[in-house]
Amino acid sequence: PFKALSADKVVSFFHTVIFPLMNPVIYTLRNQEV
């Protein structure tokens, strides 16, 4: 349920700003062909 928690902003920050940029990079670092 949409009840505000203290961790919401931090989780949203990583979800919308940090992790999207990291995903392809993580994959590439583990893929020898790329």
PDB file of all heavy atoms in Angstrom:
ATOM      1  N   PRO A   1       0.841  -1.209   0.000  1.00  0.00           N
ATOM      2  CA  PRO A   1       0.000   0.000   0.000  1.00  0.00           C
ATOM      3  C   PRO A   1       0.872   1.253   0.000  1.00  0.00           C
ATOM      4  O   PRO A   1       1.967   1.262   0.560  1.00  0.00           O
ATOM      5  CB  PRO A   1      -0.780  -0.130   1.315  1.00  0.00           C
ATOM      6  CG  PRO A   1      -0.789  -1.592   1.608  1.00  0.00           C
ATOM      7  CD  PRO A   1       0.515  -2.131   1.090  1.00  0.00           C
ATOM      8  N   PHE A   2       0.394   2.284  -0.634  1.00  0.00           N
ATOM      9  CA  PHE A   2       1.203   3.492  -0.840  1.00  0.00           C
ATOM     10  C   PHE A   2       1.311   4.298   0.455  1.00  0.00           C
ATOM     11  O   PHE A   2       0.767   5.402   0.579  1.00  0.00           O
ATOM     12  CB  PHE A   2       0.624   4.339  -1.967  1.00  0.00           C
ATOM     13  CG  PHE A   2       0.709   3.655  -3.303  1.00  0.00           C
ATOM     14  CD1 PHE A   2      -0.184   3.959  -4.317  1.00  0.00           C
ATOM     15  CD2 PHE A   2       1.670   2.692  -3.548  1.00  0.00           C
ATOM     16  CE1 PHE A   2      -0.105   3.336  -5.554  1.00  0.00           C
ATOM     17  CE2 PHE A   2       1.767   2.063  -4.772  1.00  0.00           C
ATOM     18  CZ  PHE A   2       0.867   2.378  -5.775  1.00  0.00           C
ATOM     19  N   LYS A   3       2.022   3.743   1.401  1.00  0.00           N
ATOM     20  CA  LYS A   3       2.295   4.407   2.667  1.00  0.00           C
ATOM     21  C   LYS A   3       3.763   4.815   2.691  1.00  0.00           C
ATOM     22  O   LYS A   3       4.653   4.009   2.423  1.00  0.00           O
ATOM     23  CB  LYS A   3       1.989   3.460   3.837  1.00  0.00           C
ATOM     24  CG  LYS A   3       2.223   4.079   5.204  1.00  0.00           C
ATOM     25  CD  LYS A   3       1.903   3.080   6.299  1.00  0.00           C
ATOM     26  CE  LYS A   3       2.161   3.695   7.671  1.00  0.00           C
ATOM     27  NZ  LYS A   3       1.868   2.734   8.765  1.00  0.00           N
ATOM     28  N   ALA A   4       4.014   6.070   3.024  1.00  0.00           N
ATOM     29  CA  ALA A   4       5.379   6.594   2.977  1.00  0.00           C
ATOM     30  C   ALA A   4       6.258   5.947   4.044  1.00  0.00           C
ATOM     31  O   ALA A   4       5.869   5.835   5.204  1.00  0.00           O
ATOM     32  CB  ALA A   4       5.354   8.107   3.167  1.00  0.00           C
ATOM     33  N   LEU A   5       7.450   5.513   3.610  1.00  0.00           N
ATOM     34  CA  LEU A   5       8.449   4.980   4.523  1.00  0.00           C
ATOM     35  C   LEU A   5       9.718   5.819   4.405  1.00  0.00           C
ATOM     36  O   LEU A   5       9.958   6.460   3.379  1.00  0.00           O
ATOM     37  CB  LEU A   5       8.748   3.512   4.202  1.00  0.00           C
ATOM     38  CG  LEU A   5       7.597   2.515   4.346  1.00  0.00           C
ATOM     39  CD1 LEU A   5       8.061   1.124   3.922  1.00  0.00           C
ATOM     40  CD2 LEU A   5       7.062   2.483   5.769  1.00  0.00           C
ATOM     41  N   SER A   6      10.522   5.791   5.439  1.00  0.00           N
ATOM     42  CA  SER A   6      11.735   6.611   5.449  1.00  0.00           C
ATOM     43  C   SER A   6      12.724   6.195   4.361  1.00  0.00           C
ATOM     44  O   SER A   6      13.517   7.011   3.894  1.00  0.00           O
ATOM     45  CB  SER A   6      12.409   6.529   6.826  1.00  0.00           C
ATOM     46  OG  SER A   6      12.709   5.180   7.160  1.00  0.00           O
ATOM     47  N   ALA A   7      12.671   4.928   3.958  1.00  0.00           N
ATOM     48  CA  ALA A   7      13.622   4.427   2.961  1.00  0.00           C
ATOM     49  C   ALA A   7      13.164   4.654   1.522  1.00  0.00           C
ATOM     50  O   ALA A   7      13.922   4.373   0.582  1.00  0.00           O
ATOM     51  CB  ALA A   7      13.865   2.932   3.180  1.00  0.00           C
ATOM     52  N   ASP A   8      11.951   5.161   1.330  1.00  0.00           N
ATOM     53  CA  ASP A   8      11.398   5.284  -0.024  1.00  0.00           C
ATOM     54  C   ASP A   8      12.270   6.119  -0.953  1.00  0.00           C
ATOM     55  O   ASP A   8      12.538   5.740  -2.095  1.00  0.00           O
ATOM     56  CB  ASP A   8       9.991   5.895   0.038  1.00  0.00           C
ATOM     57  CG  ASP A   8       8.948   4.873   0.456  1.00  0.00           C
ATOM     58  OD1 ASP A   8       9.289   3.682   0.522  1.00  0.00           O
ATOM     59  OD2 ASP A   8       7.803   5.276   0.722  1.00  0.00           O
ATOM     60  N   LYS A   9      12.714   7.281  -0.487  1.00  0.00           N
ATOM     61  CA  LYS A   9      13.482   8.181  -1.349  1.00  0.00           C
ATOM     62  C   LYS A   9      14.823   7.578  -1.735  1.00  0.00           C
ATOM     63  O   LYS A   9      15.264   7.700  -2.889  1.00  0.00           O
ATOM     64  CB  LYS A   9      13.681   9.523  -0.654  1.00  0.00           C
ATOM     65  CG  LYS A   9      12.425  10.364  -0.543  1.00  0.00           C
ATOM     66  CD  LYS A   9      12.744  11.727   0.054  1.00  0.00           C
ATOM     67  CE  LYS A   9      11.511  12.578   0.200  1.00  0.00           C
ATOM     68  NZ  LYS A   9      11.799  13.910   0.760  1.00  0.00           N
ATOM     69  N   VAL A  10      15.479   6.923  -0.789  1.00  0.00           N
ATOM     70  CA  VAL A  10      16.783   6.314  -1.064  1.00  0.00           C
ATOM     71  C   VAL A  10      16.638   5.191  -2.080  1.00  0.00           C
ATOM     72  O   VAL A  10      17.414   5.091  -3.041  1.00  0.00           O
ATOM     73  CB  VAL A  10      17.434   5.793   0.231  1.00  0.00           C
ATOM     74  CG1 VAL A  10      18.751   5.097  -0.078  1.00  0.00           C
ATOM     75  CG2 VAL A  10      17.651   6.939   1.213  1.00  0.00           C
ATOM     76  N   VAL A  11      15.632   4.348  -1.873  1.00  0.00           N
ATOM     77  CA  VAL A  11      15.388   3.243  -2.805  1.00  0.00           C
ATOM     78  C   VAL A  11      15.036   3.786  -4.183  1.00  0.00           C
ATOM     79  O   VAL A  11      15.538   3.296  -5.206  1.00  0.00           O
ATOM     80  CB  VAL A  11      14.261   2.324  -2.273  1.00  0.00           C
ATOM     81  CG1 VAL A  11      13.902   1.263  -3.308  1.00  0.00           C
ATOM     82  CG2 VAL A  11      14.687   1.654  -0.969  1.00  0.00           C
ATOM     83  N   SER A  12      14.193   4.806  -4.242  1.00  0.00           N
ATOM     84  CA  SER A  12      13.816   5.411  -5.522  1.00  0.00           C
ATOM     85  C   SER A  12      15.019   6.043  -6.214  1.00  0.00           C
ATOM     86  O   SER A  12      15.143   5.996  -7.439  1.00  0.00           O
ATOM     87  CB  SER A  12      12.740   6.489  -5.301  1.00  0.00           C
ATOM     88  OG  SER A  12      11.549   5.915  -4.815  1.00  0.00           O
ATOM     89  N   PHE A  13      15.913   6.631  -5.422  1.00  0.00           N
ATOM     90  CA  PHE A  13      17.111   7.254  -5.976  1.00  0.00           C
ATOM     91  C   PHE A  13      17.978   6.225  -6.705  1.00  0.00           C
ATOM     92  O   PHE A  13      18.404   6.438  -7.848  1.00  0.00           O
ATOM     93  CB  PHE A  13      17.904   7.918  -4.849  1.00  0.00           C
ATOM     94  CG  PHE A  13      19.259   8.416  -5.264  1.00  0.00           C
ATOM     95  CD1 PHE A  13      19.386   9.498  -6.120  1.00  0.00           C
ATOM     96  CD2 PHE A  13      20.412   7.810  -4.798  1.00  0.00           C
ATOM     97  CE1 PHE A  13      20.629   9.968  -6.512  1.00  0.00           C
ATOM     98  CE2 PHE A  13      21.657   8.269  -5.177  1.00  0.00           C
ATOM     99  CZ  PHE A  13      21.775   9.343  -6.035  1.00  0.00           C
ATOM    100  N   PHE A  14      18.227   5.101  -6.065  1.00  0.00           N
ATOM    101  CA  PHE A  14      19.031   4.058  -6.712  1.00  0.00           C
ATOM    102  C   PHE A  14      18.272   3.427  -7.869  1.00  0.00           C
ATOM    103  O   PHE A  14      18.875   3.084  -8.891  1.00  0.00           O
ATOM    104  CB  PHE A  14      19.416   2.982  -5.685  1.00  0.00           C
ATOM    105  CG  PHE A  14      20.562   3.375  -4.804  1.00  0.00           C
ATOM    106  CD1 PHE A  14      20.350   3.938  -3.561  1.00  0.00           C
ATOM    107  CD2 PHE A  14      21.877   3.209  -5.231  1.00  0.00           C
ATOM    108  CE1 PHE A  14      21.409   4.314  -2.749  1.00  0.00           C
ATOM    109  CE2 PHE A  14      22.944   3.574  -4.435  1.00  0.00           C
ATOM    110  CZ  PHE A  14      22.708   4.142  -3.187  1.00  0.00           C
ATOM    111  N   HIS A  15      16.953   3.309  -7.742  1.00  0.00           N
ATOM    112  CA  HIS A  15      16.144   2.662  -8.776  1.00  0.00           C
ATOM    113  C   HIS A  15      16.061   3.493 -10.054  1.00  0.00           C
ATOM    114  O   HIS A  15      16.040   2.943 -11.156  1.00  0.00           O
ATOM    115  CB  HIS A  15      14.740   2.403  -8.223  1.00  0.00           C
ATOM    116  CG  HIS A  15      13.823   1.710  -9.179  1.00  0.00           C
ATOM    117  ND1 HIS A  15      14.144   0.517  -9.794  1.00  0.00           N
ATOM    118  CD2 HIS A  15      12.587   2.041  -9.647  1.00  0.00           C
ATOM    119  CE1 HIS A  15      13.148   0.139 -10.573  1.00  0.00           C
ATOM    120  NE2 HIS A  15      12.204   1.046 -10.521  1.00  0.00           N
ATOM    121  N   THR A  16      16.011   4.811  -9.907  1.00  0.00           N
ATOM    122  CA  THR A  16      15.795   5.678 -11.080  1.00  0.00           C
ATOM    123  C   THR A  16      17.057   6.345 -11.601  1.00  0.00           C
ATOM    124  O   THR A  16      17.086   6.767 -12.766  1.00  0.00           O
ATOM    125  CB  THR A  16      14.776   6.790 -10.739  1.00  0.00           C
ATOM    126  OG1 THR A  16      15.259   7.549  -9.619  1.00  0.00           O
ATOM    127  CG2 THR A  16      13.425   6.193 -10.397  1.00  0.00           C
ATOM    128  N   VAL A  17      18.104   6.453 -10.773  1.00  0.00           N
ATOM    129  CA  VAL A  17      19.291   7.197 -11.186  1.00  0.00           C
ATOM    130  C   VAL A  17      20.529   6.303 -11.314  1.00  0.00           C
ATOM    131  O   VAL A  17      21.222   6.329 -12.344  1.00  0.00           O
ATOM    132  CB  VAL A  17      19.590   8.346 -10.185  1.00  0.00           C
ATOM    133  CG1 VAL A  17      20.845   9.106 -10.612  1.00  0.00           C
ATOM    134  CG2 VAL A  17      18.403   9.304 -10.087  1.00  0.00           C
ATOM    135  N   ILE A  18      20.811   5.503 -10.306  1.00  0.00           N
ATOM    136  CA  ILE A  18      22.065   4.749 -10.264  1.00  0.00           C
ATOM    137  C   ILE A  18      21.985   3.434 -11.029  1.00  0.00           C
ATOM    138  O   ILE A  18      22.771   3.187 -11.957  1.00  0.00           O
ATOM    139  CB  ILE A  18      22.487   4.480  -8.807  1.00  0.00           C
ATOM    140  CG1 ILE A  18      22.616   5.801  -8.036  1.00  0.00           C
ATOM    141  CG2 ILE A  18      23.808   3.708  -8.775  1.00  0.00           C
ATOM    142  CD1 ILE A  18      23.645   6.749  -8.591  1.00  0.00           C
ATOM    143  N   PHE A  19      21.033   2.582 -10.669  1.00  0.00           N
ATOM    144  CA  PHE A  19      20.985   1.230 -11.238  1.00  0.00           C
ATOM    145  C   PHE A  19      20.768   1.193 -12.749  1.00  0.00           C
ATOM    146  O   PHE A  19      21.375   0.345 -13.434  1.00  0.00           O
ATOM    147  CB  PHE A  19      19.913   0.390 -10.540  1.00  0.00           C
ATOM    148  CG  PHE A  19      20.265   0.035  -9.118  1.00  0.00           C
ATOM    149  CD1 PHE A  19      19.283  -0.288  -8.203  1.00  0.00           C
ATOM    150  CD2 PHE A  19      21.585   0.028  -8.701  1.00  0.00           C
ATOM    151  CE1 PHE A  19      19.605  -0.619  -6.894  1.00  0.00           C
ATOM    152  CE2 PHE A  19      21.920  -0.302  -7.394  1.00  0.00           C
ATOM    153  CZ  PHE A  19      20.922  -0.624  -6.489  1.00  0.00           C
ATOM    154  N   PRO A  20      19.915   2.069 -13.333  1.00  0.00           N
ATOM    155  CA  PRO A  20      19.741   2.015 -14.792  1.00  0.00           C
ATOM    156  C   PRO A  20      21.036   2.196 -15.573  1.00  0.00           C
ATOM    157  O   PRO A  20      21.220   1.593 -16.629  1.00  0.00           O
ATOM    158  CB  PRO A  20      18.762   3.167 -15.069  1.00  0.00           C
ATOM    159  CG  PRO A  20      17.993   3.302 -13.814  1.00  0.00           C
ATOM    160  CD  PRO A  20      18.969   3.015 -12.717  1.00  0.00           C
ATOM    161  N   LEU A  21      21.937   3.038 -15.061  1.00  0.00           N
ATOM    162  CA  LEU A  21      23.205   3.246 -15.756  1.00  0.00           C
ATOM    163  C   LEU A  21      24.172   2.090 -15.534  1.00  0.00           C
ATOM    164  O   LEU A  21      25.053   1.839 -16.358  1.00  0.00           O
ATOM    165  CB  LEU A  21      23.848   4.549 -15.268  1.00  0.00           C
ATOM    166  CG  LEU A  21      23.119   5.840 -15.660  1.00  0.00           C
ATOM    167  CD1 LEU A  21      23.734   7.029 -14.946  1.00  0.00           C
ATOM    168  CD2 LEU A  21      23.151   6.054 -17.159  1.00  0.00           C
ATOM    169  N   MET A  22      23.991   1.368 -14.428  1.00  0.00           N
ATOM    170  CA  MET A  22      24.928   0.306 -14.088  1.00  0.00           C
ATOM    171  C   MET A  22      24.639  -1.007 -14.800  1.00  0.00           C
ATOM    172  O   MET A  22      25.553  -1.798 -15.050  1.00  0.00           O
ATOM    173  CB  MET A  22      24.918   0.062 -12.574  1.00  0.00           C
ATOM    174  CG  MET A  22      25.550   1.175 -11.761  1.00  0.00           C
ATOM    175  SD  MET A  22      25.432   0.863  -9.987  1.00  0.00           S
ATOM    176  CE  MET A  22      26.356  -0.667  -9.857  1.00  0.00           C
ATOM    177  N   ASN A  23      23.380  -1.247 -15.138  1.00  0.00           N
ATOM    178  CA  ASN A  23      22.991  -2.560 -15.657  1.00  0.00           C
ATOM    179  C   ASN A  23      23.812  -3.016 -16.859  1.00  0.00           C
ATOM    180  O   ASN A  23      24.421  -4.093 -16.837  1.00  0.00           O
ATOM    181  CB  ASN A  23      21.493  -2.568 -15.999  1.00  0.00           C
ATOM    182  CG  ASN A  23      20.625  -2.567 -14.754  1.00  0.00           C
ATOM    183  OD1 ASN A  23      21.094  -2.845 -13.654  1.00  0.00           O
ATOM    184  ND2 ASN A  23      19.361  -2.259 -14.917  1.00  0.00           N
ATOM    185  N   PRO A  24      23.864  -2.241 -17.964  1.00  0.00           N
ATOM    186  CA  PRO A  24      24.661  -2.694 -19.116  1.00  0.00           C
ATOM    187  C   PRO A  24      26.147  -2.789 -18.803  1.00  0.00           C
ATOM    188  O   PRO A  24      26.852  -3.643 -19.341  1.00  0.00           O
ATOM    189  CB  PRO A  24      24.379  -1.625 -20.181  1.00  0.00           C
ATOM    190  CG  PRO A  24      23.125  -0.955 -19.742  1.00  0.00           C
ATOM    191  CD  PRO A  24      23.175  -0.990 -18.243  1.00  0.00           C
ATOM    192  N   VAL A  25      26.631  -1.881 -17.943  1.00  0.00           N
ATOM    193  CA  VAL A  25      28.051  -1.903 -17.589  1.00  0.00           C
ATOM    194  C   VAL A  25      28.397  -3.190 -16.849  1.00  0.00           C
ATOM    195  O   VAL A  25      29.421  -3.831 -17.119  1.00  0.00           O
ATOM    196  CB  VAL A  25      28.405  -0.672 -16.726  1.00  0.00           C
ATOM    197  CG1 VAL A  25      29.855  -0.740 -16.285  1.00  0.00           C
ATOM    198  CG2 VAL A  25      28.151   0.607 -17.506  1.00  0.00           C
ATOM    199  N   ILE A  26      27.536  -3.589 -15.908  1.00  0.00           N
ATOM    200  CA  ILE A  26      27.752  -4.844 -15.176  1.00  0.00           C
ATOM    201  C   ILE A  26      27.792  -6.014 -16.147  1.00  0.00           C
ATOM    202  O   ILE A  26      28.655  -6.890 -16.051  1.00  0.00           O
ATOM    203  CB  ILE A  26      26.638  -5.055 -14.133  1.00  0.00           C
ATOM    204  CG1 ILE A  26      26.788  -4.033 -13.001  1.00  0.00           C
ATOM    205  CG2 ILE A  26      26.682  -6.459 -13.559  1.00  0.00           C
ATOM    206  CD1 ILE A  26      25.641  -4.048 -12.023  1.00  0.00           C
ATOM    207  N   TYR A  27      26.869  -6.010 -17.085  1.00  0.00           N
ATOM    208  CA  TYR A  27      26.826  -7.116 -18.053  1.00  0.00           C
ATOM    209  C   TYR A  27      28.079  -7.134 -18.909  1.00  0.00           C
ATOM    210  O   TYR A  27      28.672  -8.194 -19.156  1.00  0.00           O
ATOM    211  CB  TYR A  27      25.584  -6.991 -18.941  1.00  0.00           C
ATOM    212  CG  TYR A  27      25.370  -8.228 -19.774  1.00  0.00           C
ATOM    213  CD1 TYR A  27      24.538  -9.245 -19.345  1.00  0.00           C
ATOM    214  CD2 TYR A  27      26.042  -8.405 -20.983  1.00  0.00           C
ATOM    215  CE1 TYR A  27      24.360 -10.393 -20.087  1.00  0.00           C
ATOM    216  CE2 TYR A  27      25.883  -9.540 -21.731  1.00  0.00           C
ATOM    217  CZ  TYR A  27      25.033 -10.534 -21.281  1.00  0.00           C
ATOM    218  OH  TYR A  27      24.867 -11.665 -22.021  1.00  0.00           O
ATOM    219  N   THR A  28      28.509  -5.963 -19.362  1.00  0.00           N
ATOM    220  CA  THR A  28      29.674  -5.887 -20.248  1.00  0.00           C
ATOM    221  C   THR A  28      30.947  -6.340 -19.545  1.00  0.00           C
ATOM    222  O   THR A  28      31.791  -7.022 -20.131  1.00  0.00           O
ATOM    223  CB  THR A  28      29.843  -4.448 -20.762  1.00  0.00           C
ATOM    224  OG1 THR A  28      28.632  -4.061 -21.423  1.00  0.00           O
ATOM    225  CG2 THR A  28      30.994  -4.352 -21.741  1.00  0.00           C
ATOM    226  N   LEU A  29      31.110  -5.962 -18.288  1.00  0.00           N
ATOM    227  CA  LEU A  29      32.313  -6.330 -17.545  1.00  0.00           C
ATOM    228  C   LEU A  29      32.447  -7.838 -17.367  1.00  0.00           C
ATOM    229  O   LEU A  29      33.538  -8.347 -17.126  1.00  0.00           O
ATOM    230  CB  LEU A  29      32.311  -5.640 -16.174  1.00  0.00           C
ATOM    231  CG  LEU A  29      32.484  -4.115 -16.192  1.00  0.00           C
ATOM    232  CD1 LEU A  29      32.365  -3.549 -14.786  1.00  0.00           C
ATOM    233  CD2 LEU A  29      33.827  -3.736 -16.807  1.00  0.00           C
ATOM    234  N   ARG A  30      31.330  -8.550 -17.505  1.00  0.00           N
ATOM    235  CA  ARG A  30      31.359 -10.004 -17.341  1.00  0.00           C
ATOM    236  C   ARG A  30      31.231 -10.734 -18.678  1.00  0.00           C
ATOM    237  O   ARG A  30      31.065 -11.941 -18.697  1.00  0.00           O
ATOM    238  CB  ARG A  30      30.224 -10.447 -16.407  1.00  0.00           C
ATOM    239  CG  ARG A  30      30.353  -9.925 -14.980  1.00  0.00           C
ATOM    240  CD  ARG A  30      29.198 -10.392 -14.130  1.00  0.00           C
ATOM    241  NE  ARG A  30      29.123 -11.846 -14.083  1.00  0.00           N
ATOM    242  CZ  ARG A  30      29.735 -12.600 -13.184  1.00  0.00           C
ATOM    243  NH1 ARG A  30      30.507 -12.035 -12.256  1.00  0.00           N
ATOM    244  NH2 ARG A  30      29.603 -13.912 -13.198  1.00  0.00           N
ATOM    245  N   ASN A  31      31.294  -9.992 -19.783  1.00  0.00           N
ATOM    246  CA  ASN A  31      31.161 -10.604 -21.098  1.00  0.00           C
ATOM    247  C   ASN A  31      32.448 -10.375 -21.886  1.00  0.00           C
ATOM    248  O   ASN A  31      32.747  -9.252 -22.300  1.00  0.00           O
ATOM    249  CB  ASN A  31      29.951 -10.009 -21.842  1.00  0.00           C
ATOM    250  CG  ASN A  31      29.647 -10.747 -23.119  1.00  0.00           C
ATOM    251  OD1 ASN A  31      30.406 -10.688 -24.062  1.00  0.00           O
ATOM    252  ND2 ASN A  31      28.528 -11.465 -23.135  1.00  0.00           N
ATOM    253  N   GLN A  32      33.217 -11.439 -22.101  1.00  0.00           N
ATOM    254  CA  GLN A  32      34.528 -11.320 -22.720  1.00  0.00           C
ATOM    255  C   GLN A  32      34.443 -10.862 -24.167  1.00  0.00           C
ATOM    256  O   GLN A  32      35.273 -10.077 -24.635  1.00  0.00           O
ATOM    257  CB  GLN A  32      35.264 -12.667 -22.642  1.00  0.00           C
ATOM    258  CG  GLN A  32      36.726 -12.601 -23.060  1.00  0.00           C
ATOM    259  CD  GLN A  32      37.522 -11.638 -22.198  1.00  0.00           C
ATOM    260  OE1 GLN A  32      37.390 -11.631 -20.980  1.00  0.00           O
ATOM    261  NE2 GLN A  32      38.353 -10.807 -22.832  1.00  0.00           N
ATOM    262  N   GLU A  33      33.417 -11.328 -24.901  1.00  0.00           N
ATOM    263  CA  GLU A  33      33.288 -10.962 -26.314  1.00  0.00           C
ATOM    264  C   GLU A  33      33.068  -9.454 -26.479  1.00  0.00           C
ATOM    265  O   GLU A  33      33.688  -8.805 -27.332  1.00  0.00           O
ATOM    266  CB  GLU A  33      32.136 -11.730 -26.968  1.00  0.00           C
ATOM    267  CG  GLU A  33      32.416 -13.204 -27.200  1.00  0.00           C
ATOM    268  CD  GLU A  33      32.149 -14.039 -25.952  1.00  0.00           C
ATOM    269  OE1 GLU A  33      31.810 -13.438 -24.897  1.00  0.00           O
ATOM    270  OE2 GLU A  33      32.298 -15.268 -26.012  1.00  0.00           O
ATOM    271  N   VAL A  34      32.171  -8.900 -25.647  1.00  0.00           N
ATOM    272  CA  VAL A  34      31.894  -7.471 -25.748  1.00  0.00           C
ATOM    273  C   VAL A  34      33.113  -6.649 -25.314  1.00  0.00           C
ATOM    274  O   VAL A  34      33.451  -5.637 -25.942  1.00  0.00           O
ATOM    275  CB  VAL A  34      30.665  -7.101 -24.897  1.00  0.00           C
ATOM    276  CG1 VAL A  34      30.416  -5.592 -24.957  1.00  0.00           C
ATOM    277  CG2 VAL A  34      29.433  -7.842 -25.384  1.00  0.00           C
TER     278      VAL A  34
END
